[in-house]
C-alpha atoms as a PDB file:
ATOM      1  CA  MET A   1      88.407 104.020 126.612  1.00  0.00           C
ATOM      2  CA  LEU A   2      91.992 105.245 126.807  1.00  0.00           C
ATOM      3  CA  ASP A   3      93.127 101.867 128.156  1.00  0.00           C
ATOM      4  CA  PHE A   4      91.866 100.367 124.908  1.00  0.00           C
ATOM      5  CA  LEU A   5      93.049 103.101 122.547  1.00  0.00           C
ATOM      6  CA  ALA A   6      96.549 103.673 123.975  1.00  0.00           C
ATOM      7  CA  PRO A   7      98.237 100.409 122.885  1.00  0.00           C
ATOM      8  CA  ARG A   8      96.545 100.698 119.471  1.00  0.00           C
ATOM      9  CA  ALA A   9      97.454 104.340 118.812  1.00  0.00           C
ATOM     10  CA  THR A  10      99.067 104.429 115.369  1.00  0.00           C
ATOM     11  CA  PRO A  11     102.413 106.287 115.595  1.00  0.00           C
ATOM     12  CA  GLY A  12     102.226 109.584 113.735  1.00  0.00           C
ATOM     13  CA  ILE A  13      98.413 109.489 113.609  1.00  0.00           C
ATOM     14  CA  GLU A  14      97.294 109.113 117.230  1.00  0.00           C
ATOM     15  CA  VAL A  15      98.702 109.990 120.644  1.00  0.00           C
ATOM     16  CA  VAL A  16      97.350 109.038 124.063  1.00  0.00           C
ATOM     17  CA  GLU A  17      99.050 110.819 126.951  1.00  0.00           C
ATOM     18  CA  SER A  18      98.199 112.805 130.080  1.00  0.00           C
ATOM     19  CA  SER A  19      94.630 111.446 130.010  1.00  0.00           C
ATOM     20  CA  THR A  20      93.998 112.877 126.556  1.00  0.00           C
ATOM     21  CA  TYR A  21      93.541 111.456 123.078  1.00  0.00           C
ATOM     22  CA  ARG A  22      94.516 113.346 119.956  1.00  0.00           C
ATOM     23  CA  ARG A  23      94.762 112.428 116.292  1.00  0.00           C
ATOM     24  CA  THR A  24      95.103 113.783 112.782  1.00  0.00           C
ATOM     25  CA  ILE A  25      92.092 113.849 110.470  1.00  0.00           C
ATOM     26  CA  PHE A  26      91.457 114.333 106.758  1.00  0.00           C
ATOM     27  CA  LEU A  27      88.025 115.382 105.548  1.00  0.00           C
ATOM     28  CA  ASN A  28      86.758 116.888 102.293  1.00  0.00           C
ATOM     29  CA  GLY A  29      90.280 117.554 101.049  1.00  0.00           C
ATOM     30  CA  ARG A  30      91.439 119.301 104.241  1.00  0.00           C
ATOM     31  CA  ALA A  31      93.681 118.121 107.056  1.00  0.00           C
ATOM     32  CA  GLY A  32      93.536 118.914 110.759  1.00  0.00           C
ATOM     33  CA  TYR A  33      93.517 117.346 114.190  1.00  0.00           C
ATOM     34  CA  PHE A  34      91.522 117.197 117.399  1.00  0.00           C
ATOM     35  CA  LYS A  35      92.127 116.520 121.077  1.00  0.00           C
ATOM     36  CA  VAL A  36      89.716 114.870 123.517  1.00  0.00           C
ATOM     37  CA  SER A  37      89.950 115.024 127.301  1.00  0.00           C
ATOM     38  CA  LEU A  38      87.621 114.499 130.247  1.00  0.00           C
ATOM     39  CA  ASP A  39      85.669 117.364 131.769  1.00  0.00           C
ATOM     40  CA  GLU A  40      85.296 115.838 135.217  1.00  0.00           C
ATOM     41  CA  GLU A  41      83.090 118.618 136.608  1.00  0.00           C
ATOM     42  CA  ARG A  42      80.400 118.011 134.012  1.00  0.00           C
ATOM     43  CA  SER A  43      81.060 114.303 133.344  1.00  0.00           C
ATOM     44  CA  ALA A  44      81.534 115.153 129.691  1.00  0.00           C
ATOM     45  CA  LEU A  45      84.183 115.087 127.012  1.00  0.00           C
ATOM     46  CA  LEU A  46      86.014 118.283 126.155  1.00  0.00           C
ATOM     47  CA  VAL A  47      86.992 118.451 122.502  1.00  0.00           C
ATOM     48  CA  ARG A  48      89.345 120.931 120.845  1.00  0.00           C
ATOM     49  CA  ILE A  49      89.377 120.904 117.044  1.00  0.00           C
ATOM     50  CA  GLU A  50      91.912 122.478 114.690  1.00  0.00           C
ATOM     51  CA  PHE A  51      90.446 122.438 111.186  1.00  0.00           C
ATOM     52  CA  GLY A  52      90.380 124.937 108.346  1.00  0.00           C
ATOM     53  CA  ASP A  53      86.724 124.592 107.335  1.00  0.00           C
ATOM     54  CA  PRO A  54      84.150 125.621 109.983  1.00  0.00           C
ATOM     55  CA  HIS A  55      81.364 124.099 107.867  1.00  0.00           C
ATOM     56  CA  SER A  56      82.787 120.666 108.691  1.00  0.00           C
ATOM     57  CA  LEU A  57      82.534 121.199 112.445  1.00  0.00           C
ATOM     58  CA  PHE A  58      79.201 119.416 112.882  1.00  0.00           C
ATOM     59  CA  LEU A  59      80.360 116.344 110.956  1.00  0.00           C
ATOM     60  CA  ILE A  60      83.644 116.189 112.894  1.00  0.00           C
ATOM     61  CA  VAL A  61      81.822 116.410 116.226  1.00  0.00           C
ATOM     62  CA  GLU A  62      79.407 113.651 115.208  1.00  0.00           C
ATOM     63  CA  ARG A  63      82.308 111.413 114.232  1.00  0.00           C
ATOM     64  CA  ILE A  64      83.968 112.041 117.576  1.00  0.00           C
ATOM     65  CA  ARG A  65      80.715 111.231 119.374  1.00  0.00           C
ATOM     66  CA  ALA A  66      80.619 107.943 117.474  1.00  0.00           C
ATOM     67  CA  MET A  67      84.290 107.224 118.254  1.00  0.00           C
ATOM     68  CA  PHE A  68      83.583 107.514 121.975  1.00  0.00           C
ATOM     69  CA  ASP A  69      80.161 105.839 121.733  1.00  0.00           C
ATOM     70  CA  LEU A  70      78.389 108.732 123.424  1.00  0.00           C
ATOM     71  CA  ASN A  71      74.955 107.765 122.112  1.00  0.00           C
ATOM     72  CA  ALA A  72      74.960 104.372 123.831  1.00  0.00           C
ATOM     73  CA  ASP A  73      71.741 103.575 125.710  1.00  0.00           C
ATOM     74  CA  TRP A  74      73.561 102.390 128.777  1.00  0.00           C
ATOM     75  CA  ALA A  75      70.484 101.923 130.955  1.00  0.00           C
ATOM     76  CA  ALA A  76      69.206  99.259 128.562  1.00  0.00           C
ATOM     77  CA  ILE A  77      72.662  97.765 128.000  1.00  0.00           C
ATOM     78  CA  GLY A  78      73.392  97.455 131.696  1.00  0.00           C
ATOM     79  CA  GLN A  79      70.004  95.939 132.459  1.00  0.00           C
ATOM     80  CA  THR A  80      70.606  93.150 129.931  1.00  0.00           C
ATOM     81  CA  LEU A  81      74.218  92.369 130.831  1.00  0.00           C
ATOM     82  CA  ARG A  82      73.643  92.409 134.592  1.00  0.00           C
ATOM     83  CA  ASN A  83      71.198  89.508 134.152  1.00  0.00           C
ATOM     84  CA  ASP A  84      74.073  87.193 133.232  1.00  0.00           C
ATOM     85  CA  PRO A  85      76.067  85.727 136.164  1.00  0.00           C
ATOM     86  CA  LEU A  86      79.130  85.706 133.902  1.00  0.00           C
ATOM     87  CA  LEU A  87      79.073  89.504 133.526  1.00  0.00           C
ATOM     88  CA  VAL A  88      77.257  90.890 136.558  1.00  0.00           C
ATOM     89  CA  ALA A  89      80.383  91.423 138.677  1.00  0.00           C
ATOM     90  CA  ARG A  90      82.298  92.954 135.766  1.00  0.00           C
ATOM     91  CA  VAL A  91      79.495  95.365 134.967  1.00  0.00           C
ATOM     92  CA  LYS A  92      79.376  96.384 138.633  1.00  0.00           C
ATOM     93  CA  VAL A  93      83.116  97.149 138.681  1.00  0.00           C
ATOM     94  CA  ASP A  94      83.115  99.041 135.362  1.00  0.00           C
ATOM     95  CA  PRO A  95      79.621 100.452 134.781  1.00  0.00           C
ATOM     96  CA  GLY A  96      79.114 102.311 131.533  1.00  0.00           C
ATOM     97  CA  LEU A  97      81.840 100.636 129.462  1.00  0.00           C
ATOM     98  CA  ARG A  98      81.572 101.723 125.810  1.00  0.00           C
ATOM     99  CA  VAL A  99      82.690 100.277 122.483  1.00  0.00           C
ATOM    100  CA  PRO A 100      85.576 102.347 121.055  1.00  0.00           C
ATOM    101  CA  GLY A 101      84.764 103.459 117.537  1.00  0.00           C
ATOM    102  CA  SER A 102      87.068 104.740 114.812  1.00  0.00           C
ATOM    103  CA  TRP A 103      87.618 107.906 112.808  1.00  0.00           C
ATOM    104  CA  GLY A 104      87.266 106.062 109.501  1.00  0.00           C
ATOM    105  CA  GLY A 105      86.132 102.625 108.430  1.00  0.00           C
ATOM    106  CA  PHE A 106      88.914 102.098 105.901  1.00  0.00           C
ATOM    107  CA  GLU A 107      91.556 102.903 108.500  1.00  0.00           C
ATOM    108  CA  LEU A 108      89.964 100.575 111.050  1.00  0.00           C
ATOM    109  CA  ALA A 109      89.624  97.710 108.566  1.00  0.00           C
ATOM    110  CA  THR A 110      93.232  98.140 107.474  1.00  0.00           C
ATOM    111  CA  ARG A 111      94.397  98.065 111.081  1.00  0.00           C
ATOM    112  CA  ALA A 112      92.389  94.896 111.696  1.00  0.00           C
ATOM    113  CA  ILE A 113      94.102  93.201 108.749  1.00  0.00           C
ATOM    114  CA  LEU A 114      97.509  94.337 109.977  1.00  0.00           C
ATOM    115  CA  GLY A 115      96.769  92.771 113.355  1.00  0.00           C
ATOM    116  CA  GLN A 116      96.113  89.294 112.035  1.00  0.00           C
ATOM    117  CA  GLN A 117      98.308  86.701 113.798  1.00  0.00           C
ATOM    118  CA  ILE A 118     100.594  89.206 115.494  1.00  0.00           C
ATOM    119  CA  THR A 119     100.505  90.988 118.838  1.00  0.00           C
ATOM    120  CA  VAL A 120      98.807  94.322 119.398  1.00  0.00           C
ATOM    121  CA  LYS A 121     102.249  95.858 119.907  1.00  0.00           C
ATOM    122  CA  GLY A 122     103.494  94.357 116.653  1.00  0.00           C
ATOM    123  CA  ALA A 123     100.441  95.525 114.730  1.00  0.00           C
ATOM    124  CA  THR A 124     100.828  99.064 116.060  1.00  0.00           C
ATOM    125  CA  ALA A 125     104.478  99.149 115.024  1.00  0.00           C
ATOM    126  CA  MET A 126     103.552  97.829 111.571  1.00  0.00           C
ATOM    127  CA  ALA A 127     100.865 100.489 111.229  1.00  0.00           C
ATOM    128  CA  GLY A 128     103.440 103.151 112.088  1.00  0.00           C
ATOM    129  CA  ARG A 129     105.736 101.908 109.332  1.00  0.00           C
ATOM    130  CA  MET A 130     102.849 101.963 106.868  1.00  0.00           C
ATOM    131  CA  VAL A 131     101.966 105.521 107.821  1.00  0.00           C
ATOM    132  CA  ARG A 132     105.535 106.728 107.419  1.00  0.00           C
ATOM    133  CA  ALA A 133     105.894 105.010 104.047  1.00  0.00           C
ATOM    134  CA  PHE A 134     102.523 105.815 102.455  1.00  0.00           C
ATOM    135  CA  GLY A 135     100.824 108.505 104.522  1.00  0.00           C
ATOM    136  CA  LYS A 136     100.973 112.206 103.774  1.00  0.00           C
ATOM    137  CA  ALA A 137     103.156 114.287 106.104  1.00  0.00           C
ATOM    138  CA  PHE A 138     101.349 116.576 108.542  1.00  0.00           C
ATOM    139  CA  ALA A 139     102.737 119.414 110.660  1.00  0.00           C
ATOM    140  CA  GLY A 140     100.894 119.154 113.961  1.00  0.00           C
ATOM    141  CA  PRO A 141     101.468 118.996 117.722  1.00  0.00           C
ATOM    142  CA  THR A 142     104.069 116.632 119.109  1.00  0.00           C
ATOM    143  CA  GLY A 143     103.522 113.118 117.840  1.00  0.00           C
ATOM    144  CA  LEU A 144     101.101 114.019 115.053  1.00  0.00           C
ATOM    145  CA  THR A 145     103.236 113.807 111.927  1.00  0.00           C
ATOM    146  CA  HIS A 146     101.131 112.084 109.247  1.00  0.00           C
ATOM    147  CA  LEU A 147      97.680 111.426 107.860  1.00  0.00           C
ATOM    148  CA  PHE A 148      96.552 107.836 107.469  1.00  0.00           C
ATOM    149  CA  PRO A 149      97.196 106.563 103.923  1.00  0.00           C
ATOM    150  CA  THR A 150      94.281 106.917 101.535  1.00  0.00           C
ATOM    151  CA  PRO A 151      92.825 103.939  99.646  1.00  0.00           C
ATOM    152  CA  GLU A 152      94.413 105.388  96.500  1.00  0.00           C
ATOM    153  CA  ALA A 153      97.838 105.359  98.177  1.00  0.00           C
ATOM    154  CA  LEU A 154      97.508 101.714  99.246  1.00  0.00           C
ATOM    155  CA  ALA A 155      95.801 100.271  96.160  1.00  0.00           C
ATOM    156  CA  ASP A 156      99.120  99.406  94.521  1.00  0.00           C
ATOM    157  CA  ALA A 157     101.491  99.968  97.441  1.00  0.00           C
ATOM    158  CA  LYS A 158     104.545  97.732  97.797  1.00  0.00           C
ATOM    159  CA  LEU A 159     103.691  96.684 101.332  1.00  0.00           C
ATOM    160  CA  ALA A 160     106.339  93.979 101.443  1.00  0.00           C
ATOM    161  CA  ASN A 161     108.825  96.831 101.855  1.00  0.00           C
ATOM    162  CA  ILE A 162     107.494  97.452 105.374  1.00  0.00           C
ATOM    163  CA  GLY A 163     107.613  93.780 106.329  1.00  0.00           C
ATOM    164  CA  LEU A 164     104.076  92.673 105.488  1.00  0.00           C
ATOM    165  CA  THR A 165     103.512  89.141 104.207  1.00  0.00           C
ATOM    166  CA  GLY A 166     102.402  88.678 100.612  1.00  0.00           C
ATOM    167  CA  ALA A 167      98.922  87.460 101.510  1.00  0.00           C
ATOM    168  CA  ARG A 168      98.246  90.258 103.959  1.00  0.00           C
ATOM    169  CA  SER A 169      99.631  92.840 101.546  1.00  0.00           C
ATOM    170  CA  GLU A 170      97.230  91.645  98.868  1.00  0.00           C
ATOM    171  CA  THR A 171      94.286  91.743 101.285  1.00  0.00           C
ATOM    172  CA  ILE A 172      94.982  95.400 102.079  1.00  0.00           C
ATOM    173  CA  ARG A 173      95.475  96.256  98.412  1.00  0.00           C
ATOM    174  CA  SER A 174      92.256  94.446  97.492  1.00  0.00           C
ATOM    175  CA  LEU A 175      90.355  96.351 100.177  1.00  0.00           C
ATOM    176  CA  ALA A 176      91.816  99.647  98.974  1.00  0.00           C
ATOM    177  CA  ARG A 177      90.924  98.867  95.348  1.00  0.00           C
ATOM    178  CA  ALA A 178      87.378  97.934  96.326  1.00  0.00           C
ATOM    179  CA  VAL A 179      87.003 101.271  98.122  1.00  0.00           C
ATOM    180  CA  CYS A 180      88.467 103.184  95.166  1.00  0.00           C
ATOM    181  CA  ALA A 181      86.070 101.409  92.801  1.00  0.00           C
ATOM    182  CA  GLY A 182      83.066 102.156  94.993  1.00  0.00           C
ATOM    183  CA  LYS A 183      82.404  98.476  95.734  1.00  0.00           C
ATOM    184  CA  ILE A 184      83.055  99.086  99.430  1.00  0.00           C
ATOM    185  CA  ASN A 185      81.835 102.292 101.060  1.00  0.00           C
ATOM    186  CA  PHE A 186      82.048 102.751 104.811  1.00  0.00           C
ATOM    187  CA  GLU A 187      79.766 105.816 104.842  1.00  0.00           C
ATOM    188  CA  GLY A 188      75.979 105.882 105.068  1.00  0.00           C
ATOM    189  CA  ILE A 189      75.523 102.127 105.489  1.00  0.00           C
ATOM    190  CA  VAL A 190      71.866 101.146 105.791  1.00  0.00           C
ATOM    191  CA  ASP A 191      72.085  97.360 105.434  1.00  0.00           C
ATOM    192  CA  SER A 192      75.048  96.277 107.532  1.00  0.00           C
ATOM    193  CA  ASP A 193      74.567  92.572 106.755  1.00  0.00           C
ATOM    194  CA  ALA A 194      74.856  93.214 103.013  1.00  0.00           C
ATOM    195  CA  PHE A 195      77.898  95.409 103.617  1.00  0.00           C
ATOM    196  CA  LEU A 196      79.622  92.719 105.679  1.00  0.00           C
ATOM    197  CA  GLU A 197      78.912  90.122 102.992  1.00  0.00           C
ATOM    198  CA  ARG A 198      80.665  92.324 100.431  1.00  0.00           C
ATOM    199  CA  LEU A 199      83.544  92.882 102.831  1.00  0.00           C
ATOM    200  CA  CYS A 200      83.970  89.120 103.306  1.00  0.00           C
ATOM    201  CA  GLU A 201      84.284  88.670  99.537  1.00  0.00           C
ATOM    202  CA  ILE A 202      87.768  90.176  99.819  1.00  0.00           C
ATOM    203  CA  PRO A 203      90.302  87.317 100.184  1.00  0.00           C
ATOM    204  CA  GLY A 204      91.803  87.425 103.673  1.00  0.00           C
ATOM    205  CA  ILE A 205      88.734  88.968 105.330  1.00  0.00           C
ATOM    206  CA  GLY A 206      86.434  86.521 107.098  1.00  0.00           C
ATOM    207  CA  ASN A 207      83.675  86.687 109.651  1.00  0.00           C
ATOM    208  CA  TRP A 208      85.919  87.558 112.618  1.00  0.00           C
ATOM    209  CA  THR A 209      87.391  90.583 110.865  1.00  0.00           C
ATOM    210  CA  ALA A 210      83.980  91.620 109.548  1.00  0.00           C
ATOM    211  CA  GLN A 211      82.427  91.477 113.028  1.00  0.00           C
ATOM    212  CA  TYR A 212      85.313  93.492 114.475  1.00  0.00           C
ATOM    213  CA  VAL A 213      84.789  96.130 111.777  1.00  0.00           C
ATOM    214  CA  ALA A 214      81.053  96.082 112.507  1.00  0.00           C
ATOM    215  CA  MET A 215      81.741  96.732 116.194  1.00  0.00           C
ATOM    216  CA  ARG A 216      84.196  99.567 115.822  1.00  0.00           C
ATOM    217  CA  ALA A 217      83.554 101.128 112.411  1.00  0.00           C
ATOM    218  CA  LEU A 218      79.819 100.621 111.943  1.00  0.00           C
ATOM    219  CA  GLY A 219      78.796 100.961 115.580  1.00  0.00           C
ATOM    220  CA  GLU A 220      76.734  97.761 115.482  1.00  0.00           C
ATOM    221  CA  PRO A 221      75.802  97.083 119.132  1.00  0.00           C
ATOM    222  CA  ASP A 222      75.146  93.380 118.536  1.00  0.00           C
ATOM    223  CA  ALA A 223      78.276  92.634 116.491  1.00  0.00           C
ATOM    224  CA  PHE A 224      80.199  89.775 118.044  1.00  0.00           C
ATOM    225  CA  PRO A 225      83.474  88.155 116.867  1.00  0.00           C
ATOM    226  CA  SER A 226      82.488  84.804 118.323  1.00  0.00           C
ATOM    227  CA  THR A 227      85.663  82.992 117.228  1.00  0.00           C
ATOM    228  CA  ASP A 228      87.908  85.275 119.258  1.00  0.00           C
ATOM    229  CA  LEU A 229      90.217  83.240 121.484  1.00  0.00           C
ATOM    230  CA  GLY A 230      90.466  86.025 124.066  1.00  0.00           C
ATOM    231  CA  LEU A 231      86.685  86.120 124.478  1.00  0.00           C
ATOM    232  CA  LEU A 232      86.550  82.359 124.905  1.00  0.00           C
ATOM    233  CA  ARG A 233      89.264  82.298 127.553  1.00  0.00           C
ATOM    234  CA  SER A 234      87.890  85.259 129.458  1.00  0.00           C
ATOM    235  CA  ALA A 235      84.420  83.687 129.479  1.00  0.00           C
ATOM    236  CA  GLY A 236      85.889  80.434 130.795  1.00  0.00           C
ATOM    237  CA  LEU A 237      83.979  78.353 128.263  1.00  0.00           C
ATOM    238  CA  ASN A 238      85.124  75.244 126.439  1.00  0.00           C
ATOM    239  CA  ASN A 239      84.623  76.021 122.759  1.00  0.00           C
ATOM    240  CA  PHE A 240      83.390  78.692 120.360  1.00  0.00           C
ATOM    241  CA  ARG A 241      79.992  77.099 119.818  1.00  0.00           C
ATOM    242  CA  GLU A 242      79.405  77.196 123.556  1.00  0.00           C
ATOM    243  CA  LEU A 243      80.399  80.863 123.535  1.00  0.00           C
ATOM    244  CA  GLU A 244      77.972  81.593 120.704  1.00  0.00           C
ATOM    245  CA  ARG A 245      75.142  79.883 122.556  1.00  0.00           C
ATOM    246  CA  HIS A 246      75.894  81.728 125.779  1.00  0.00           C
ATOM    247  CA  ALA A 247      76.121  85.049 123.913  1.00  0.00           C
ATOM    248  CA  GLU A 248      72.487  84.756 122.807  1.00  0.00           C
ATOM    249  CA  ALA A 249      71.518  86.052 126.255  1.00  0.00           C
ATOM    250  CA  TRP A 250      73.458  89.258 125.588  1.00  0.00           C
ATOM    251  CA  ARG A 251      71.491  90.269 122.489  1.00  0.00           C
ATOM    252  CA  PRO A 252      71.118  92.952 121.254  1.00  0.00           C
ATOM    253  CA  TRP A 253      74.231  94.178 123.110  1.00  0.00           C
ATOM    254  CA  ARG A 254      76.830  91.494 122.381  1.00  0.00           C
ATOM    255  CA  ALA A 255      79.466  94.082 121.358  1.00  0.00           C
ATOM    256  CA  TYR A 256      79.374  95.506 124.891  1.00  0.00           C
ATOM    257  CA  ALA A 257      79.641  92.045 126.413  1.00  0.00           C
ATOM    258  CA  ALA A 258      82.726  91.515 124.244  1.00  0.00           C
ATOM    259  CA  MET A 259      84.279  94.688 125.637  1.00  0.00           C
ATOM    260  CA  TYR A 260      83.744  93.457 129.204  1.00  0.00           C
ATOM    261  CA  LEU A 261      85.323  90.106 128.442  1.00  0.00           C
ATOM    262  CA  TRP A 262      88.269  91.663 126.628  1.00  0.00           C
ATOM    263  CA  ARG A 263      88.842  94.123 129.452  1.00  0.00           C
ATOM    264  CA  ALA A 264      88.691  91.372 132.056  1.00  0.00           C
ATOM    265  CA  GLY A 265      91.193  89.306 130.074  1.00  0.00           C
ATOM    266  CA  SER A 266      93.540  92.249 129.692  1.00  0.00           C
ATOM    267  CA  GLN A 267      93.379  93.086 133.398  1.00  0.00           C
ATOM    268  CA  SER A 268      93.980  89.460 134.363  1.00  0.00           C
ATOM    269  CA  LEU A 269      97.018  89.239 132.100  1.00  0.00           C
ATOM    270  CA  ARG A 270      98.425  92.487 133.469  1.00  0.00           C
ATOM    271  CA  ALA A 271      97.944  91.326 137.066  1.00  0.00           C
ATOM    272  CA  LYS A 272      99.700  88.019 136.398  1.00  0.00           C
ATOM    273  CA  LYS A 273     102.668  89.737 134.794  1.00  0.00           C
ATOM    274  CA  GLU A 274     102.959  92.284 137.608  1.00  0.00           C
ATOM    275  CA  THR A 275     102.857  89.466 140.155  1.00  0.00           C
ATOM    276  CA  SER A 276     105.504  87.439 138.336  1.00  0.00           C
ATOM    277  CA  GLY A 277     107.664  90.481 137.568  1.00  0.00           C
ATOM    278  CA  GLU A 278     107.633  89.750 133.846  1.00  0.00           C
ATOM    279  CA  ILE A 279     107.897  92.431 131.215  1.00  0.00           C
ATOM    280  CA  GLU A 280     104.403  92.874 129.826  1.00  0.00           C
ATOM    281  CA  THR A 281     104.014  91.691 126.253  1.00  0.00           C
ATOM    282  CA  ALA A 282     100.904  90.504 124.452  1.00  0.00           C
ATOM    283  CA  PRO A 283     100.772  86.828 123.473  1.00  0.00           C
ATOM    284  CA  ILE A 284     100.637  85.979 119.803  1.00  0.00           C
ATOM    285  CA  ALA A 285      97.471  85.066 117.953  1.00  0.00           C
ATOM    286  CA  GLY A 286      95.331  82.036 118.462  1.00  0.00           C
ATOM    287  CA  ALA A 287      93.919  79.618 115.910  1.00  0.00           C
ATOM    288  CA  ARG A 288      92.962  79.973 112.265  1.00  0.00           C
ATOM    289  CA  LEU A 289      89.491  78.432 112.181  1.00  0.00           C
ATOM    290  CA  HIS A 290      88.137  79.493 108.807  1.00  0.00           C
ATOM    291  CA  ARG A 291      89.784  79.896 105.433  1.00  0.00           C
ATOM    292  CA  ASP A 292      91.184  83.384 104.812  1.00  0.00           C
ATOM    293  CA  GLU A 293      90.490  84.465 108.362  1.00  0.00           C
ATOM    294  CA  THR A 294      92.745  85.072 111.307  1.00  0.00           C
ATOM    295  CA  HIS A 295      91.404  85.243 114.831  1.00  0.00           C
ATOM    296  CA  ALA A 296      92.383  87.308 117.793  1.00  0.00           C
ATOM    297  CA  ARG A 297      95.294  86.724 120.050  1.00  0.00           C
ATOM    298  CA  ALA A 298      95.121  85.083 123.418  1.00  0.00           C
ATOM    299  CA  SER A 299      95.448  88.413 125.147  1.00  0.00           C
ATOM    300  CA  GLY A 300      92.051  89.545 123.950  1.00  0.00           C
ATOM    301  CA  HIS A 301      91.131  91.894 121.190  1.00  0.00           C
ATOM    302  CA  ALA A 302      92.630  92.734 117.838  1.00  0.00           C
ATOM    303  CA  SER A 303      94.667  95.661 116.650  1.00  0.00           C
END
């Protein structure tokens, strides 16, 4: 989980260090932060929360459980994925792999848009600039200096000032306006298909982005960004249609299969760079296959 979260930790909002994850949070008009570490003796997560309203404790804990995918039915997931020769060895090496969630759907969707056609490192740096420019300052532990910008703060933000392209700036503003107007609501979603259809109505958000949001913000176990170049390369298949056909065997756990493929691709890239002595950098994005949609970079997953 930390291998995935560390390169995507938004500066000022999230910190991954010393085998811990910590981040700022904003809930019901109050700000705070939490820290998550591993309790090895009990094979559990140890969470420390600093927040001014004790009545919000249950909701915060449930969100953290979702972020770390603690409710995953891994016996059923493993049984399905181990039946595929493409995944059996990977599942054996890394049993119990989870899908990293997010603190908030709007933040996750915004990060996904920022990551279109640039490296993970570039997207993280861009997110840090956005936070410094439009996020509210926060006085917390080392590294936690801001809250993520609200939809209201980004609805009319001049994002070109932080280096964002015009099209991507408008996509983020359109998303923020839709949230402010109540057209998009990431909470209490009952019909995820209907929600994703509304999300795709925003120019610049297509099926890949919607599926990525479904994986990490909605916790949909069968979400699958099938046009992801990293998934295709890690699977060793020839085209995206072939990947989609092969992925049918992974239902209803395709999101977990995606995590295994992304992890395998990331590990392979790291091994090659260590062998060659190159400085590790993530390759830039792959192809644009649908109008208004950008797909993931060759290194694997999105921002």
